[in-house]
Amino acid sequence: QVQLVESGGGSVQAGGSLKLSCTASGYTYSSNYMGWFRQAPGKEREGVAAIDRDGSTIYPDSVKGRFTISQDNTKNILYLQMSTLKPEDTAMYYCAAHPGTYRLFPPYRALSYYEYDYWGQGTQVTVSS
């Protein structure tokens, strides 16, 4: 069973940076994709970054150029470097693991929360103006 634990959230002023970490354990070798998602109160969970086993990444336009996803496969840690943060980035952030070894097509499916079966408990990010 895959277990995911996020850390690194906190409060920051607009324009600041934060780096989130997600430590994975269990059968993560079977996951071709890992992703970061966020959910603000009253809003649907949205994908902000995803990475496949080969290191290819995908981002929505809302965070492109500001967020960077990366992974350390030797330590089973997933990262999300967030910079130039905005108040609208305030949300609970979750990491997730895709259940399969197959590729998703089209690639933007990797940003869809329903493609993922395994989730961490979340870490709060609050950006003040």
N, C-alpha and C. Protein backbone atom coordinates (compact mmCIF):
# COMPACT_ATOMS: atom_id res chain seq x y z
N GLN A 1 0.84 -1.19 0.00
CA GLN A 1 0.00 0.00 0.00
C GLN A 1 0.88 1.24 0.00
N VAL A 2 0.50 2.21 -0.83
CA VAL A 2 1.26 3.44 -0.95
C VAL A 2 0.86 4.40 0.17
N GLN A 3 1.87 4.96 0.82
CA GLN A 3 1.63 5.98 1.84
C GLN A 3 2.39 7.24 1.46
N LEU A 4 1.73 8.38 1.58
CA LEU A 4 2.31 9.65 1.19
C LEU A 4 2.18 10.63 2.35
N VAL A 5 3.27 11.31 2.66
CA VAL A 5 3.26 12.27 3.76
C VAL A 5 3.86 13.58 3.28
N GLU A 6 3.06 14.64 3.28
CA GLU A 6 3.52 15.96 2.84
C GLU A 6 4.07 16.76 4.01
N SER A 7 4.95 17.68 3.68
CA SER A 7 5.47 18.62 4.67
C SER A 7 5.94 19.87 3.94
N GLY A 8 6.20 20.93 4.72
CA GLY A 8 6.76 22.14 4.14
C GLY A 8 5.79 23.29 3.95
N GLY A 9 4.52 23.06 4.25
CA GLY A 9 3.57 24.15 4.12
C GLY A 9 3.78 25.22 5.17
N GLY A 10 3.09 26.32 5.02
CA GLY A 10 3.21 27.40 5.99
C GLY A 10 2.60 28.68 5.46
N SER A 11 2.89 29.77 6.15
CA SER A 11 2.39 31.08 5.76
C SER A 11 3.52 31.91 5.18
N VAL A 12 3.22 32.62 4.12
CA VAL A 12 4.23 33.44 3.45
C VAL A 12 3.54 34.64 2.83
N GLN A 13 4.30 35.71 2.66
CA GLN A 13 3.75 36.88 2.01
C GLN A 13 3.80 36.72 0.50
N ALA A 14 2.93 37.45 -0.17
CA ALA A 14 2.90 37.41 -1.63
C ALA A 14 4.29 37.75 -2.18
N GLY A 15 4.67 37.00 -3.20
CA GLY A 15 6.00 37.15 -3.78
C GLY A 15 7.04 36.22 -3.19
N GLY A 16 6.68 35.57 -2.09
CA GLY A 16 7.61 34.68 -1.42
C GLY A 16 7.64 33.29 -2.02
N SER A 17 8.41 32.42 -1.37
CA SER A 17 8.60 31.06 -1.87
C SER A 17 8.41 30.04 -0.76
N LEU A 18 8.03 28.84 -1.17
CA LEU A 18 7.94 27.70 -0.27
C LEU A 18 8.32 26.46 -1.05
N LYS A 19 8.86 25.46 -0.35
CA LYS A 19 9.15 24.19 -0.98
C LYS A 19 8.45 23.09 -0.20
N LEU A 20 7.57 22.38 -0.88
CA LEU A 20 6.86 21.28 -0.28
C LEU A 20 7.58 19.98 -0.58
N SER A 21 7.47 19.04 0.36
CA SER A 21 8.05 17.71 0.18
C SER A 21 6.98 16.67 0.41
N CYS A 22 7.12 15.55 -0.25
CA CYS A 22 6.20 14.43 -0.08
C CYS A 22 7.04 13.16 -0.04
N THR A 23 7.03 12.51 1.12
CA THR A 23 7.77 11.27 1.27
C THR A 23 6.85 10.10 0.99
N ALA A 24 7.26 9.25 0.06
CA ALA A 24 6.42 8.13 -0.35
C ALA A 24 7.00 6.81 0.15
N SER A 25 6.13 5.91 0.51
CA SER A 25 6.54 4.57 0.90
C SER A 25 5.52 3.58 0.36
N GLY A 26 5.90 2.32 0.33
CA GLY A 26 5.00 1.31 -0.20
C GLY A 26 5.32 1.03 -1.66
N TYR A 27 4.35 0.63 -2.44
CA TYR A 27 4.56 0.19 -3.82
C TYR A 27 4.56 1.35 -4.81
N THR A 28 5.39 2.36 -4.56
CA THR A 28 5.43 3.51 -5.46
C THR A 28 6.08 3.19 -6.79
N TYR A 29 6.80 2.05 -6.85
CA TYR A 29 7.45 1.70 -8.12
C TYR A 29 6.42 1.43 -9.21
N SER A 30 5.17 1.16 -8.80
CA SER A 30 4.14 0.87 -9.78
C SER A 30 3.47 2.13 -10.30
N SER A 31 3.84 3.30 -9.75
CA SER A 31 3.20 4.55 -10.16
C SER A 31 4.02 5.23 -11.24
N ASN A 32 3.41 5.43 -12.40
CA ASN A 32 4.12 6.13 -13.47
C ASN A 32 4.07 7.64 -13.30
N TYR A 33 3.11 8.11 -12.54
CA TYR A 33 2.96 9.54 -12.33
C TYR A 33 2.83 9.86 -10.85
N MET A 34 3.44 10.97 -10.49
CA MET A 34 3.22 11.58 -9.18
C MET A 34 2.76 13.00 -9.43
N GLY A 35 1.88 13.49 -8.56
CA GLY A 35 1.37 14.84 -8.80
C GLY A 35 1.16 15.62 -7.52
N TRP A 36 1.08 16.93 -7.70
CA TRP A 36 0.70 17.85 -6.62
C TRP A 36 -0.64 18.47 -6.99
N PHE A 37 -1.51 18.52 -6.01
CA PHE A 37 -2.83 19.09 -6.19
C PHE A 37 -3.11 20.07 -5.06
N ARG A 38 -4.08 20.93 -5.28
CA ARG A 38 -4.47 21.85 -4.21
C ARG A 38 -5.97 22.00 -4.21
N GLN A 39 -6.47 22.34 -3.04
CA GLN A 39 -7.91 22.56 -2.90
C GLN A 39 -8.15 23.69 -1.91
N ALA A 40 -8.80 24.73 -2.40
CA ALA A 40 -9.20 25.85 -1.56
C ALA A 40 -10.64 25.62 -1.11
N PRO A 41 -11.04 26.21 0.01
CA PRO A 41 -12.41 26.03 0.50
C PRO A 41 -13.45 26.38 -0.56
N GLY A 42 -14.38 25.46 -0.77
CA GLY A 42 -15.45 25.72 -1.72
C GLY A 42 -15.07 25.51 -3.17
N LYS A 43 -13.85 25.07 -3.42
CA LYS A 43 -13.40 24.88 -4.80
C LYS A 43 -13.02 23.43 -5.04
N GLU A 44 -13.02 23.05 -6.30
CA GLU A 44 -12.65 21.70 -6.67
C GLU A 44 -11.14 21.52 -6.58
N ARG A 45 -10.74 20.29 -6.28
CA ARG A 45 -9.31 19.99 -6.23
C ARG A 45 -8.72 20.12 -7.64
N GLU A 46 -7.60 20.84 -7.75
CA GLU A 46 -6.99 21.05 -9.05
C GLU A 46 -5.53 20.62 -9.04
N GLY A 47 -5.09 20.12 -10.18
CA GLY A 47 -3.70 19.73 -10.31
C GLY A 47 -2.82 20.93 -10.58
N VAL A 48 -1.68 21.01 -9.90
CA VAL A 48 -0.76 22.11 -10.13
C VAL A 48 0.56 21.64 -10.73
N ALA A 49 0.83 20.35 -10.68
CA ALA A 49 2.06 19.83 -11.27
C ALA A 49 2.01 18.31 -11.27
N ALA A 50 2.61 17.72 -12.29
CA ALA A 50 2.72 16.27 -12.35
C ALA A 50 4.03 15.91 -13.02
N ILE A 51 4.56 14.76 -12.65
CA ILE A 51 5.82 14.30 -13.21
C ILE A 51 5.73 12.80 -13.46
N ASP A 52 6.29 12.36 -14.58
CA ASP A 52 6.26 10.93 -14.83
C ASP A 52 7.61 10.31 -14.47
N ARG A 53 7.68 9.01 -14.63
CA ARG A 53 8.87 8.28 -14.18
C ARG A 53 10.12 8.71 -14.93
N ASP A 54 9.94 9.21 -16.17
CA ASP A 54 11.07 9.67 -16.97
C ASP A 54 11.48 11.09 -16.66
N GLY A 55 10.71 11.76 -15.82
CA GLY A 55 11.02 13.14 -15.44
C GLY A 55 10.31 14.20 -16.24
N SER A 56 9.44 13.80 -17.16
CA SER A 56 8.66 14.79 -17.90
C SER A 56 7.63 15.41 -16.98
N THR A 57 7.45 16.72 -17.11
CA THR A 57 6.57 17.46 -16.22
C THR A 57 5.46 18.17 -17.00
N ILE A 58 4.40 18.48 -16.27
CA ILE A 58 3.31 19.24 -16.86
C ILE A 58 2.71 20.14 -15.79
N TYR A 59 2.33 21.35 -16.19
CA TYR A 59 1.77 22.33 -15.28
C TYR A 59 0.58 23.02 -15.94
N PRO A 60 -0.38 23.48 -15.15
CA PRO A 60 -1.42 24.32 -15.74
C PRO A 60 -0.86 25.73 -15.93
N ASP A 61 -1.51 26.52 -16.75
CA ASP A 61 -1.04 27.87 -17.02
C ASP A 61 -0.97 28.73 -15.76
N SER A 62 -1.83 28.44 -14.78
CA SER A 62 -1.91 29.27 -13.58
C SER A 62 -0.63 29.25 -12.75
N VAL A 63 0.18 28.22 -12.89
CA VAL A 63 1.40 28.13 -12.08
C VAL A 63 2.65 27.98 -12.93
N LYS A 64 2.49 27.85 -14.24
CA LYS A 64 3.64 27.62 -15.12
C LYS A 64 4.64 28.77 -14.97
N GLY A 65 5.90 28.42 -14.80
CA GLY A 65 6.94 29.41 -14.61
C GLY A 65 7.15 29.80 -13.16
N ARG A 66 6.22 29.42 -12.28
CA ARG A 66 6.35 29.75 -10.85
C ARG A 66 6.57 28.50 -9.99
N PHE A 67 5.98 27.38 -10.40
CA PHE A 67 6.09 26.13 -9.65
C PHE A 67 6.97 25.15 -10.41
N THR A 68 7.74 24.37 -9.67
CA THR A 68 8.58 23.34 -10.26
C THR A 68 8.46 22.05 -9.46
N ILE A 69 8.08 21.00 -10.15
CA ILE A 69 7.98 19.68 -9.51
C ILE A 69 9.26 18.91 -9.82
N SER A 70 9.72 18.15 -8.84
CA SER A 70 10.89 17.33 -9.04
C SER A 70 10.80 16.11 -8.13
N GLN A 71 11.64 15.14 -8.38
CA GLN A 71 11.60 13.92 -7.57
C GLN A 71 12.99 13.38 -7.35
N ASP A 72 13.19 12.82 -6.18
CA ASP A 72 14.42 12.11 -5.86
C ASP A 72 14.03 10.64 -5.75
N ASN A 73 14.25 9.90 -6.82
CA ASN A 73 13.81 8.51 -6.86
C ASN A 73 14.57 7.62 -5.88
N THR A 74 15.79 8.03 -5.54
CA THR A 74 16.57 7.21 -4.61
C THR A 74 16.00 7.30 -3.19
N LYS A 75 15.38 8.44 -2.88
CA LYS A 75 14.83 8.63 -1.54
C LYS A 75 13.31 8.58 -1.53
N ASN A 76 12.70 8.40 -2.71
CA ASN A 76 11.24 8.38 -2.81
C ASN A 76 10.62 9.66 -2.25
N ILE A 77 11.18 10.80 -2.64
CA ILE A 77 10.66 12.09 -2.20
C ILE A 77 10.26 12.90 -3.42
N LEU A 78 9.08 13.47 -3.34
CA LEU A 78 8.56 14.35 -4.38
C LEU A 78 8.60 15.78 -3.82
N TYR A 79 9.00 16.73 -4.66
CA TYR A 79 9.10 18.12 -4.23
C TYR A 79 8.21 19.02 -5.09
N LEU A 80 7.83 20.13 -4.50
CA LEU A 80 7.18 21.20 -5.25
C LEU A 80 7.78 22.52 -4.79
N GLN A 81 8.60 23.10 -5.63
CA GLN A 81 9.17 24.42 -5.36
C GLN A 81 8.21 25.47 -5.88
N MET A 82 7.74 26.33 -4.99
CA MET A 82 6.78 27.36 -5.37
C MET A 82 7.42 28.72 -5.16
N SER A 83 7.40 29.56 -6.17
CA SER A 83 7.96 30.89 -6.05
C SER A 83 6.97 31.91 -6.58
N THR A 84 7.25 33.17 -6.32
CA THR A 84 6.36 34.26 -6.70
C THR A 84 4.92 33.93 -6.32
N LEU A 85 4.75 33.51 -5.09
CA LEU A 85 3.44 33.08 -4.63
C LEU A 85 2.45 34.23 -4.59
N LYS A 86 1.20 33.89 -4.86
CA LYS A 86 0.12 34.85 -4.89
C LYS A 86 -0.94 34.46 -3.86
N PRO A 87 -1.75 35.41 -3.41
CA PRO A 87 -2.82 35.06 -2.46
C PRO A 87 -3.73 33.96 -2.99
N GLU A 88 -3.95 33.92 -4.30
CA GLU A 88 -4.83 32.89 -4.88
C GLU A 88 -4.19 31.50 -4.86
N ASP A 89 -2.93 31.40 -4.46
CA ASP A 89 -2.30 30.09 -4.30
C ASP A 89 -2.62 29.47 -2.94
N THR A 90 -3.30 30.23 -2.10
CA THR A 90 -3.67 29.72 -0.77
C THR A 90 -4.60 28.52 -0.91
N ALA A 91 -4.22 27.41 -0.29
CA ALA A 91 -5.00 26.18 -0.40
C ALA A 91 -4.33 25.10 0.44
N MET A 92 -5.03 23.97 0.58
CA MET A 92 -4.41 22.77 1.09
C MET A 92 -3.75 22.06 -0.10
N TYR A 93 -2.50 21.69 0.06
CA TYR A 93 -1.76 21.04 -1.01
C TYR A 93 -1.56 19.56 -0.69
N TYR A 94 -1.84 18.73 -1.69
CA TYR A 94 -1.75 17.29 -1.54
C TYR A 94 -0.81 16.71 -2.59
N CYS A 95 -0.06 15.69 -2.22
CA CYS A 95 0.63 14.92 -3.24
C CYS A 95 -0.16 13.64 -3.47
N ALA A 96 0.02 13.10 -4.67
CA ALA A 96 -0.76 11.94 -5.06
C ALA A 96 0.06 11.04 -5.97
N ALA A 97 -0.29 9.77 -5.94
CA ALA A 97 0.37 8.79 -6.80
C ALA A 97 -0.65 8.11 -7.70
N HIS A 98 -0.30 8.02 -8.97
CA HIS A 98 -1.16 7.34 -9.93
C HIS A 98 -1.04 5.84 -9.74
N PRO A 99 -2.14 5.08 -9.90
CA PRO A 99 -2.09 3.65 -9.59
C PRO A 99 -1.46 2.77 -10.66
N GLY A 100 -1.23 3.29 -11.87
CA GLY A 100 -0.81 2.42 -12.96
C GLY A 100 0.57 2.72 -13.50
N THR A 101 1.03 1.83 -14.36
CA THR A 101 2.33 1.98 -15.00
C THR A 101 2.19 2.46 -16.44
N TYR A 102 0.96 2.66 -16.90
CA TYR A 102 0.73 3.04 -18.29
C TYR A 102 0.84 4.55 -18.44
N ARG A 103 1.04 4.99 -19.67
CA ARG A 103 1.12 6.42 -19.93
C ARG A 103 -0.29 6.99 -20.13
N LEU A 104 -0.45 8.23 -19.72
CA LEU A 104 -1.73 8.92 -19.89
C LEU A 104 -1.69 9.74 -21.17
N PHE A 105 -2.78 9.65 -21.91
CA PHE A 105 -2.88 10.45 -23.13
C PHE A 105 -4.30 10.99 -23.24
N PRO A 106 -4.45 12.29 -23.51
CA PRO A 106 -3.39 13.28 -23.66
C PRO A 106 -2.69 13.58 -22.33
N PRO A 107 -1.52 14.17 -22.35
CA PRO A 107 -0.71 14.35 -21.14
C PRO A 107 -1.39 15.14 -20.03
N TYR A 108 -2.30 16.06 -20.37
CA TYR A 108 -2.92 16.88 -19.33
C TYR A 108 -3.80 16.05 -18.39
N ARG A 109 -4.08 14.81 -18.76
CA ARG A 109 -4.82 13.93 -17.84
C ARG A 109 -4.05 13.74 -16.54
N ALA A 110 -2.73 13.90 -16.58
CA ALA A 110 -1.92 13.75 -15.37
C ALA A 110 -2.22 14.84 -14.34
N LEU A 111 -2.95 15.88 -14.74
CA LEU A 111 -3.34 16.94 -13.81
C LEU A 111 -4.77 16.75 -13.30
N SER A 112 -5.39 15.66 -13.64
CA SER A 112 -6.76 15.40 -13.21
C SER A 112 -6.76 14.55 -11.94
N TYR A 113 -7.43 15.03 -10.92
CA TYR A 113 -7.37 14.34 -9.63
C TYR A 113 -7.98 12.94 -9.69
N TYR A 114 -8.93 12.70 -10.58
CA TYR A 114 -9.59 11.40 -10.63
C TYR A 114 -8.70 10.32 -11.23
N GLU A 115 -7.52 10.73 -11.75
CA GLU A 115 -6.58 9.72 -12.27
C GLU A 115 -5.73 9.11 -11.15
N TYR A 116 -5.84 9.66 -9.93
CA TYR A 116 -4.96 9.25 -8.85
C TYR A 116 -5.73 8.51 -7.77
N ASP A 117 -5.12 7.48 -7.23
CA ASP A 117 -5.76 6.68 -6.20
C ASP A 117 -5.18 6.91 -4.80
N TYR A 118 -3.94 7.34 -4.73
CA TYR A 118 -3.26 7.43 -3.44
C TYR A 118 -2.98 8.90 -3.12
N TRP A 119 -3.33 9.29 -1.89
CA TRP A 119 -3.25 10.69 -1.50
C TRP A 119 -2.62 10.83 -0.12
N GLY A 120 -1.89 11.93 0.05
CA GLY A 120 -1.40 12.29 1.36
C GLY A 120 -2.47 13.03 2.14
N GLN A 121 -2.13 13.43 3.36
CA GLN A 121 -3.10 14.10 4.23
C GLN A 121 -3.18 15.60 3.96
N GLY A 122 -2.22 16.13 3.22
CA GLY A 122 -2.24 17.54 2.85
C GLY A 122 -1.39 18.41 3.76
N THR A 123 -0.95 19.54 3.22
CA THR A 123 -0.22 20.55 3.98
C THR A 123 -0.73 21.92 3.54
N GLN A 124 -1.01 22.77 4.52
CA GLN A 124 -1.64 24.06 4.23
C GLN A 124 -0.62 25.09 3.78
N VAL A 125 -0.96 25.80 2.72
CA VAL A 125 -0.17 26.93 2.25
C VAL A 125 -1.06 28.17 2.27
N THR A 126 -0.60 29.20 2.97
CA THR A 126 -1.36 30.45 3.08
C THR A 126 -0.48 31.59 2.61
N VAL A 127 -0.96 32.33 1.62
CA VAL A 127 -0.22 33.45 1.07
C VAL A 127 -0.99 34.73 1.37
N SER A 128 -0.36 35.64 2.08
CA SER A 128 -1.02 36.89 2.45
C SER A 128 -0.55 38.02 1.53
N SER A 129 -1.45 38.95 1.33
CA SER A 129 -1.12 40.08 0.42
C SER A 129 -0.45 41.21 1.17
